[in-house]
């Protein structure tokens, strides 16, 4: 490669990397340690010079951008999902801006193809791109883009748009110039990755939306049922107070009031269900409790904390609850001993617990330690079938799992507790 072309390639690479760093810092909204920023630029210069001037493998640039991702992760306090979004979005925005400018400059210079070399057009485009990134890094639309990236739902669609444009821009640029420079090929690959990632996330959110829509109807019905119960409860209380005007005998009055008070239980929601403050979880628990009631299984509940903003997504929370309750219900049905299930969602100190227990003889550690192994099942139940997946969810979101035997109302129960 001629020396001039090598110099242009080096400058292009350096300008592109600085632009990506600037945009990523803007998206992260933090400017931590300018010394580290300078070191990042220096290592990029080193890699770019080796790649373009000394014919070192282009894989070195992958290492360079790996350090870039680590830097963005540091800016994001090592919240890897956010770091990934900032990295991809910054890379994509720089790519799109550069390719659009390159497209415009190529069209403008087309009458002078024999005079203006393509390398000069790319250098001009990259220089313009870096200048725009510097001037516009605090612009309104950049700040709005940062807000979108911080929204889990909207960021997926933004990334999918960026991926599509990256892919199309690289393709159009290739058609115009009949060549695919190394950096453009990186953009093309990155655009494809972003696009595929976005398609997967969009599918996931569609499934979550479908699930939420289904439980929204259950929750709506639950609220309606609660209002009806409240109305009937007030009427029953008024009727009990009015009995003093009907009975002259004090003992008959007390007996009758005691009977009517016993009927009030049907108007009380179990365990203050609404304290959970999570419509999806509330609807799911109510649905499971109705299923248990249809099978003549009693579930004793205790709820004293909110599940509104816990670390585990709502859709996975109901998978955890569904898994534990289904296993407990199946166990009670198999044993046919009219045993009780205990569902506690409580807070102790700074931790929240989801605990499901069912009455059972003492289970030794040597037996229940296998429950979380894939494919393991006991003779009388399939308790182990979904618990391996439960452990996977807990590990992913840094939740703890505790299992063992514990006394509930002086009866031994086997419990599984998820510590959020």
Protein backbone atom coordinates (compact mmCIF):
# COMPACT_ATOMS: atom_id res chain seq x y z
CA UNK A 1 0.00 0.00 0.00
CA UNK A 2 1.41 3.45 -0.90
CA UNK A 3 2.53 5.60 2.05
CA UNK A 4 -0.16 8.26 1.48
CA UNK A 5 -2.92 5.67 1.49
CA UNK A 6 -1.48 4.17 4.68
CA UNK A 7 -1.49 7.56 6.39
CA UNK A 8 -5.09 8.20 5.31
CA UNK A 9 -6.15 4.75 6.55
CA UNK A 10 -4.48 5.40 9.91
CA UNK A 11 -6.11 8.83 10.30
CA UNK A 12 -9.49 7.40 9.30
CA UNK A 13 -9.18 4.66 11.90
CA UNK A 14 -8.12 7.07 14.64
CA UNK A 15 -10.90 9.55 13.86
CA UNK A 16 -13.50 6.77 13.78
CA UNK A 17 -12.38 5.37 17.12
CA UNK A 18 -12.36 8.80 18.79
CA UNK A 19 -15.85 9.46 17.42
CA UNK A 20 -17.14 6.14 18.79
CA UNK A 21 -15.62 6.91 22.19
CA UNK A 22 -17.17 10.39 22.24
CA UNK A 23 -20.65 9.13 21.37
CA UNK A 24 -20.44 6.25 23.88
CA UNK A 25 -19.38 8.67 26.65
CA UNK A 26 -22.30 10.91 25.72
CA UNK A 27 -24.80 8.02 25.83
CA UNK A 28 -23.43 6.86 29.19
CA UNK A 29 -23.82 10.42 30.48
CA UNK A 30 -20.57 10.24 32.43
CA UNK A 31 -17.04 11.53 31.95
CA UNK A 32 -14.93 9.40 34.23
CA UNK A 33 -11.18 9.74 34.30
CA UNK A 34 -9.88 11.60 31.24
CA UNK A 35 -6.52 9.86 31.70
CA UNK A 36 -8.16 6.50 30.94
CA UNK A 37 -9.83 8.08 27.91
CA UNK A 38 -6.42 9.23 26.62
CA UNK A 39 -4.99 5.75 27.23
CA UNK A 40 -7.84 4.26 25.21
CA UNK A 41 -7.06 6.57 22.31
CA UNK A 42 -3.34 5.75 22.54
CA UNK A 43 -3.92 1.99 22.43
CA UNK A 44 -6.23 2.51 19.45
CA UNK A 45 -3.55 4.53 17.64
CA UNK A 46 -1.03 1.77 18.35
CA UNK A 47 -3.34 -0.96 16.96
CA UNK A 48 -4.38 1.08 13.92
CA UNK A 49 -0.79 1.95 12.97
CA UNK A 50 0.30 -1.69 13.28
CA UNK A 51 -2.67 -2.87 11.21
CA UNK A 52 -2.32 -0.36 8.36
CA UNK A 53 1.41 0.34 8.19
CA UNK A 54 3.02 -2.93 9.24
CA UNK A 55 0.56 -5.45 7.77
CA UNK A 56 -0.35 -6.85 11.19
CA UNK A 57 -3.52 -8.98 11.22
CA UNK A 58 -6.81 -7.10 11.30
CA UNK A 59 -7.75 -9.21 14.33
CA UNK A 60 -5.78 -6.68 16.36
CA UNK A 61 -8.60 -4.20 15.77
CA UNK A 62 -11.03 -6.65 17.36
CA UNK A 63 -8.83 -6.55 20.47
CA UNK A 64 -8.89 -2.76 20.25
CA UNK A 65 -12.69 -2.67 20.24
CA UNK A 66 -12.80 -5.22 23.04
CA UNK A 67 -10.95 -2.71 25.19
CA UNK A 68 -13.48 -0.13 24.00
CA UNK A 69 -16.34 -2.28 25.30
CA UNK A 70 -14.59 -2.73 28.66
CA UNK A 71 -14.20 1.06 28.87
CA UNK A 72 -17.90 1.60 28.15
CA UNK A 73 -18.78 -1.08 30.72
CA UNK A 74 -16.71 0.88 33.23
CA UNK A 75 -18.61 4.05 32.31
CA UNK A 76 -21.83 2.10 32.92
CA UNK A 77 -20.67 0.89 36.35
CA UNK A 78 -20.32 -2.59 34.82
CA UNK A 79 -24.02 -2.97 34.11
CA UNK A 80 -23.31 -5.16 31.12
CA UNK A 81 -26.71 -4.83 29.43
CA UNK A 82 -26.45 -1.05 29.46
CA UNK A 83 -22.82 -1.21 28.33
CA UNK A 84 -23.78 -3.44 25.41
CA UNK A 85 -26.54 -1.05 24.36
CA UNK A 86 -24.30 2.02 24.63
CA UNK A 87 -21.49 0.29 22.70
CA UNK A 88 -23.72 -0.94 19.90
CA UNK A 89 -25.63 2.33 19.62
CA UNK A 90 -22.45 4.44 19.55
CA UNK A 91 -20.82 2.16 16.99
CA UNK A 92 -23.98 2.17 14.89
CA UNK A 93 -24.52 5.93 15.01
CA UNK A 94 -20.92 6.64 13.97
CA UNK A 95 -21.17 4.06 11.20
CA UNK A 96 -24.42 5.50 9.84
CA UNK A 97 -23.19 9.09 9.99
CA UNK A 98 -19.93 8.22 8.25
CA UNK A 99 -21.59 6.18 5.51
CA UNK A 100 -24.22 8.84 4.85
CA UNK A 101 -21.50 11.48 4.55
CA UNK A 102 -19.46 9.15 2.35
CA UNK A 103 -22.50 8.59 0.14
CA UNK A 104 -23.10 12.36 -0.18
CA UNK A 105 -19.44 13.10 -0.89
CA UNK A 106 -19.28 10.28 -3.45
CA UNK A 107 -22.28 11.70 -5.30
CA UNK A 108 -20.87 15.25 -5.21
CA UNK A 109 -17.45 14.15 -6.47
CA UNK A 110 -18.78 11.75 -9.13
CA UNK A 111 -18.07 14.22 -12.00
CA UNK A 112 -14.43 14.29 -10.84
CA UNK A 113 -13.80 10.57 -10.44
CA UNK A 114 -10.62 10.77 -12.46
CA UNK A 115 -9.25 13.60 -10.33
CA UNK A 116 -10.41 12.90 -6.75
CA UNK A 117 -9.26 9.52 -5.38
CA UNK A 118 -11.68 7.48 -3.24
CA UNK A 119 -9.26 7.55 -0.27
CA UNK A 120 -9.56 11.33 -0.16
CA UNK A 121 -13.37 11.08 -0.16
CA UNK A 122 -13.30 8.67 2.78
CA UNK A 123 -10.89 10.91 4.70
CA UNK A 124 -13.15 13.91 4.11
CA UNK A 125 -16.21 11.91 5.22
CA UNK A 126 -14.54 10.65 8.39
CA UNK A 127 -13.26 14.13 9.26
CA UNK A 128 -16.74 15.60 8.80
CA UNK A 129 -18.21 12.81 10.89
CA UNK A 130 -15.79 13.44 13.79
CA UNK A 131 -16.47 17.18 13.65
CA UNK A 132 -20.23 16.57 13.81
CA UNK A 133 -19.82 14.17 16.75
CA UNK A 134 -17.85 16.81 18.64
CA UNK A 135 -20.30 19.63 17.86
CA UNK A 136 -23.52 17.65 18.40
CA UNK A 137 -22.57 15.43 21.36
CA UNK A 138 -24.72 17.54 23.72
CA UNK A 139 -27.53 18.23 21.26
CA UNK A 140 -31.17 17.65 22.22
CA UNK A 141 -31.69 14.59 20.02
CA UNK A 142 -28.55 12.94 21.45
CA UNK A 143 -29.87 13.40 25.00
CA UNK A 144 -33.25 11.99 23.90
CA UNK A 145 -31.44 9.01 22.37
CA UNK A 146 -29.78 8.40 25.73
CA UNK A 147 -33.22 8.36 27.40
CA UNK A 148 -34.48 5.83 24.86
CA UNK A 149 -31.46 3.61 25.47
CA UNK A 150 -32.19 3.66 29.19
CA UNK A 151 -35.73 2.40 28.52
CA UNK A 152 -35.64 -1.40 28.22
CA UNK A 153 -38.55 -1.57 25.78
CA UNK A 154 -37.84 1.37 23.49
CA UNK A 155 -34.12 0.67 23.24
CA UNK A 156 -34.81 -2.59 21.39
CA UNK A 157 -36.59 -0.79 18.58
CA UNK A 158 -33.93 1.92 18.40
CA UNK A 159 -31.18 -0.70 18.11
CA UNK A 160 -33.13 -2.56 15.41
CA UNK A 161 -33.43 0.66 13.39
CA UNK A 162 -29.70 1.34 13.82
CA UNK A 163 -28.87 -2.23 12.74
CA UNK A 164 -31.05 -1.97 9.63
CA UNK A 165 -29.52 1.35 8.59
CA UNK A 166 -25.98 0.06 9.21
CA UNK A 167 -26.65 -2.96 7.04
CA UNK A 168 -28.25 -0.92 4.23
CA UNK A 169 -25.59 1.81 4.34
CA UNK A 170 -22.77 -0.73 4.04
CA UNK A 171 -24.53 -2.46 1.16
CA UNK A 172 -25.20 0.80 -0.73
CA UNK A 173 -21.63 1.97 -0.16
CA UNK A 174 -20.33 -1.31 -1.53
CA UNK A 175 -22.51 -0.95 -4.63
CA UNK A 176 -21.27 2.60 -5.24
CA UNK A 177 -17.57 1.94 -4.76
CA UNK A 178 -17.34 -1.76 -5.72
CA UNK A 179 -15.08 -2.35 -2.73
CA UNK A 180 -15.48 -3.22 0.94
CA UNK A 181 -12.84 -1.60 3.18
CA UNK A 182 -11.95 -3.39 6.42
CA UNK A 183 -13.80 -0.92 8.62
CA UNK A 184 -16.92 -1.11 6.46
CA UNK A 185 -16.89 -4.89 6.82
CA UNK A 186 -16.78 -4.47 10.61
CA UNK A 187 -19.76 -2.13 10.38
CA UNK A 188 -21.61 -4.64 8.24
CA UNK A 189 -20.99 -7.45 10.72
CA UNK A 190 -21.92 -5.24 13.68
CA UNK A 191 -25.08 -4.11 11.94
CA UNK A 192 -26.08 -7.71 11.34
CA UNK A 193 -25.41 -8.62 14.99
CA UNK A 194 -27.42 -5.64 16.23
CA UNK A 195 -30.27 -6.53 13.89
CA UNK A 196 -30.39 -10.18 14.96
CA UNK A 197 -30.15 -9.20 18.63
CA UNK A 198 -33.02 -6.74 18.19
CA UNK A 199 -35.22 -9.28 16.40
CA UNK A 200 -34.71 -11.69 19.32
CA UNK A 201 -35.50 -9.01 21.91
CA UNK A 202 -38.57 -7.82 20.00
CA UNK A 203 -39.85 -11.41 19.94
CA UNK A 204 -39.21 -11.66 23.68
CA UNK A 205 -41.10 -8.42 24.39
CA UNK A 206 -44.00 -9.52 22.19
CA UNK A 207 -44.26 -12.73 24.20
CA UNK A 208 -44.11 -10.71 27.42
CA UNK A 209 -46.79 -8.33 26.14
CA UNK A 210 -49.01 -11.26 25.22
CA UNK A 211 -48.54 -12.74 28.70
CA UNK A 212 -49.25 -9.40 30.37
CA UNK A 213 -52.42 -8.93 28.29
CA UNK A 214 -53.71 -12.31 29.43
CA UNK A 215 -53.05 -11.62 33.10
CA UNK A 216 -54.42 -8.08 32.79
CA UNK A 217 -57.90 -9.58 32.32
CA UNK A 218 -57.41 -11.79 35.37
CA UNK A 219 -56.26 -8.79 37.42
CA UNK A 220 -59.20 -6.71 36.21
CA UNK A 221 -61.56 -9.49 37.26
CA UNK A 222 -59.80 -9.71 40.62
CA UNK A 223 -60.31 -5.98 41.29
CA UNK A 224 -63.99 -6.28 40.32
CA UNK A 225 -64.34 -9.27 42.64
CA UNK A 226 -62.64 -7.32 45.45
CA UNK A 227 -65.08 -4.42 45.07
CA UNK A 228 -68.05 -6.81 45.14
CA UNK A 229 -66.69 -8.50 48.26
CA UNK A 230 -66.12 -5.15 49.94
CA UNK A 231 -69.70 -4.12 49.23
CA UNK A 232 -71.08 -7.42 50.57
CA UNK A 233 -68.77 -7.21 53.58
CA UNK A 234 -70.15 -3.78 54.54
CA UNK A 235 -73.71 -5.08 54.14
CA UNK A 236 -72.95 -8.10 56.35
CA UNK A 237 -71.41 -5.90 59.05
CA UNK A 238 -74.48 -3.66 59.04
CA UNK A 239 -76.71 -6.74 59.29
CA UNK A 240 -74.72 -8.04 62.29
CA UNK A 241 -75.01 -4.67 64.04
CA UNK A 242 -78.78 -4.65 63.38
CA UNK A 243 -79.31 -8.03 65.08
CA UNK A 244 -79.41 -6.29 68.45
CA UNK A 245 -82.85 -5.02 67.45
CA UNK A 246 -84.09 -8.52 66.55
CA UNK A 247 -82.97 -10.75 69.45
CA UNK A 248 -84.07 -10.16 73.02
CA UNK A 249 -82.03 -13.04 74.44
CA UNK A 250 -78.34 -12.13 74.85
CA UNK A 251 -77.09 -15.69 74.34
CA UNK A 252 -79.09 -16.14 71.10
CA UNK A 253 -77.75 -12.80 69.85
CA UNK A 254 -74.11 -13.80 70.52
CA UNK A 255 -74.59 -17.21 68.91
CA UNK A 256 -76.19 -15.72 65.80
CA UNK A 257 -73.52 -13.00 65.49
CA UNK A 258 -70.78 -15.62 65.88
CA UNK A 259 -72.28 -17.62 62.99
CA UNK A 260 -72.53 -14.55 60.76
CA UNK A 261 -68.99 -13.45 61.59
CA UNK A 262 -67.76 -16.86 60.50
CA UNK A 263 -69.31 -16.24 57.08
CA UNK A 264 -67.28 -13.04 56.65
CA UNK A 265 -64.13 -14.99 55.80
CA UNK A 266 -65.37 -15.49 52.25
CA UNK A 267 -65.32 -11.73 51.70
CA UNK A 268 -61.71 -11.23 52.80
CA UNK A 269 -58.91 -11.44 50.23
CA UNK A 270 -56.28 -14.00 51.28
CA UNK A 271 -53.14 -12.67 52.92
CA UNK A 272 -53.55 -9.05 51.77
CA UNK A 273 -52.83 -10.07 48.18
CA UNK A 274 -52.79 -6.50 46.86
CA UNK A 275 -49.84 -5.57 49.10
CA UNK A 276 -47.61 -7.29 46.51
CA UNK A 277 -48.12 -4.23 44.27
CA UNK A 278 -47.47 -6.22 41.09
CA UNK A 279 -50.55 -6.88 38.91
CA UNK A 280 -48.93 -9.71 36.95
CA UNK A 281 -47.85 -11.59 40.09
CA UNK A 282 -51.13 -10.88 41.91
CA UNK A 283 -53.18 -12.21 39.01
CA UNK A 284 -51.00 -15.31 38.71
CA UNK A 285 -51.18 -16.12 42.43
CA UNK A 286 -54.94 -15.60 42.45
CA UNK A 287 -55.27 -17.93 39.46
CA UNK A 288 -53.18 -20.63 41.18
CA UNK A 289 -55.15 -20.28 44.39
CA UNK A 290 -58.39 -20.76 42.47
CA UNK A 291 -56.91 -23.89 40.83
CA UNK A 292 -55.96 -25.24 44.27
CA UNK A 293 -59.41 -24.46 45.65
CA UNK A 294 -61.03 -26.42 42.80
CA UNK A 295 -58.88 -29.41 43.85
CA UNK A 296 -59.85 -28.96 47.53
CA UNK A 297 -56.31 -27.94 48.48
CA UNK A 298 -55.87 -25.26 51.13
CA UNK A 299 -53.13 -22.65 50.64
CA UNK A 300 -52.19 -20.60 53.66
CA UNK A 301 -50.71 -17.26 52.61
CA UNK A 302 -48.72 -14.45 54.16
CA UNK A 303 -47.77 -11.34 52.17
CA UNK A 304 -46.13 -8.29 53.73
CA UNK A 305 -43.93 -6.69 51.04
CA UNK A 306 -44.06 -5.25 47.53
CA UNK A 307 -42.70 -7.05 44.46
CA UNK A 308 -42.97 -3.94 42.30
CA UNK A 309 -39.29 -3.27 41.61
CA UNK A 310 -37.35 -6.44 42.27
CA UNK A 311 -34.30 -7.52 40.29
CA UNK A 312 -36.08 -10.42 38.52
CA UNK A 313 -38.46 -9.53 35.61
CA UNK A 314 -42.18 -10.06 36.23
CA UNK A 315 -42.48 -12.77 33.60
CA UNK A 316 -39.77 -14.82 35.32
CA UNK A 317 -41.25 -14.14 38.76
CA UNK A 318 -44.49 -15.82 37.72
CA UNK A 319 -42.49 -18.71 36.27
CA UNK A 320 -40.84 -19.15 39.66
CA UNK A 321 -44.15 -18.96 41.51
CA UNK A 322 -45.91 -21.20 39.00
CA UNK A 323 -43.14 -23.78 39.17
CA UNK A 324 -43.11 -23.93 42.97
CA UNK A 325 -46.90 -23.93 43.39
CA UNK A 326 -47.46 -26.53 40.64
CA UNK A 327 -44.93 -28.84 42.25
CA UNK A 328 -46.50 -28.40 45.68
CA UNK A 329 -50.04 -28.95 44.37
CA UNK A 330 -48.97 -32.07 42.47
CA UNK A 331 -47.29 -33.42 45.59
CA UNK A 332 -50.42 -32.90 47.69
CA UNK A 333 -52.59 -34.60 45.05
CA UNK A 334 -50.25 -37.59 44.78
CA UNK A 335 -50.02 -38.10 48.56
CA UNK A 336 -53.85 -37.84 49.03
CA UNK A 337 -53.55 -36.86 52.68
CA UNK A 338 -55.46 -33.57 52.65
CA UNK A 339 -52.26 -31.64 53.40
CA UNK A 340 -51.82 -27.88 53.39
CA UNK A 341 -49.58 -25.65 51.24
CA UNK A 342 -47.92 -22.51 52.62
CA UNK A 343 -47.14 -19.53 50.36
CA UNK A 344 -45.19 -16.72 52.03
CA UNK A 345 -43.89 -13.58 50.30
CA UNK A 346 -42.25 -11.65 53.09
CA UNK A 347 -39.39 -9.29 53.85
CA UNK A 348 -36.70 -9.86 56.48
CA UNK A 349 -34.13 -7.13 56.97
CA UNK A 350 -33.12 -6.05 53.43
CA UNK A 351 -34.12 -9.28 51.66
CA UNK A 352 -37.44 -10.39 50.19
CA UNK A 353 -38.41 -14.05 50.20
CA UNK A 354 -40.73 -16.12 48.04
CA UNK A 355 -41.36 -19.33 49.93
CA UNK A 356 -43.56 -22.30 49.08
CA UNK A 357 -43.85 -25.24 51.48
CA UNK A 358 -46.07 -28.28 51.71
CA UNK A 359 -46.61 -30.76 54.50
CA UNK A 360 -44.31 -33.76 54.15
CA UNK A 361 -42.33 -36.24 56.17
CA UNK A 362 -38.76 -35.21 56.91
CA UNK A 363 -36.67 -35.33 53.70
CA UNK A 364 -32.94 -35.88 54.34
CA UNK A 365 -30.34 -33.66 52.69
CA UNK A 366 -28.92 -36.59 50.71
CA UNK A 367 -32.26 -36.84 48.89
CA UNK A 368 -33.31 -33.24 48.31
CA UNK A 369 -29.83 -32.13 47.18
CA UNK A 370 -30.61 -33.90 43.88
CA UNK A 371 -33.88 -32.02 43.28
CA UNK A 372 -32.14 -29.28 41.27
CA UNK A 373 -30.36 -31.63 38.89
CA UNK A 374 -31.59 -31.79 35.29
CA UNK A 375 -33.64 -34.91 34.64
CA UNK A 376 -33.91 -35.92 38.28
CA UNK A 377 -37.33 -36.98 39.58
CA UNK A 378 -38.55 -38.86 42.62
CA UNK A 379 -40.81 -41.90 42.56
CA UNK A 380 -43.95 -40.09 43.62
CA UNK A 381 -43.44 -36.62 42.16
CA UNK A 382 -41.73 -34.65 39.45
CA UNK A 383 -40.51 -31.96 41.83
CA UNK A 384 -37.08 -31.90 40.23
CA UNK A 385 -38.27 -31.31 36.64
CA UNK A 386 -38.56 -27.53 36.79
CA UNK A 387 -36.23 -26.78 39.68
CA UNK A 388 -33.10 -26.92 37.52
CA UNK A 389 -34.58 -24.08 35.44
CA UNK A 390 -35.50 -22.25 38.65
CA UNK A 391 -31.88 -22.44 39.81
CA UNK A 392 -30.77 -21.09 36.41
CA UNK A 393 -33.06 -18.05 36.75
CA UNK A 394 -31.90 -17.42 40.31
CA UNK A 395 -28.23 -17.60 39.32
CA UNK A 396 -28.78 -15.25 36.39
CA UNK A 397 -30.32 -12.55 38.61
CA UNK A 398 -28.13 -13.11 41.71
CA UNK A 399 -31.01 -14.54 43.74
CA UNK A 400 -30.48 -17.19 46.38
CA UNK A 401 -32.27 -20.51 46.82
CA UNK A 402 -32.76 -22.19 50.19
CA UNK A 403 -34.34 -25.61 50.66
CA UNK A 404 -34.96 -27.84 53.63
CA UNK A 405 -37.38 -28.96 56.33
CA UNK A 406 -39.16 -26.58 58.65
CA UNK A 407 -42.07 -26.71 61.11
CA UNK A 408 -45.26 -24.92 60.08
CA UNK A 409 -48.02 -25.06 62.72
CA UNK A 410 -46.06 -27.85 64.44
CA UNK A 411 -46.03 -29.96 61.27
CA UNK A 412 -42.94 -30.79 59.25
CA UNK A 413 -42.93 -29.20 55.80
CA UNK A 414 -40.50 -29.27 52.93
CA UNK A 415 -39.87 -25.71 51.73
CA UNK A 416 -38.17 -23.98 48.83
CA UNK A 417 -37.30 -20.33 49.39
CA UNK A 418 -36.10 -17.84 46.75
CA UNK A 419 -34.22 -14.89 48.24
CA UNK A 420 -34.61 -11.82 46.00
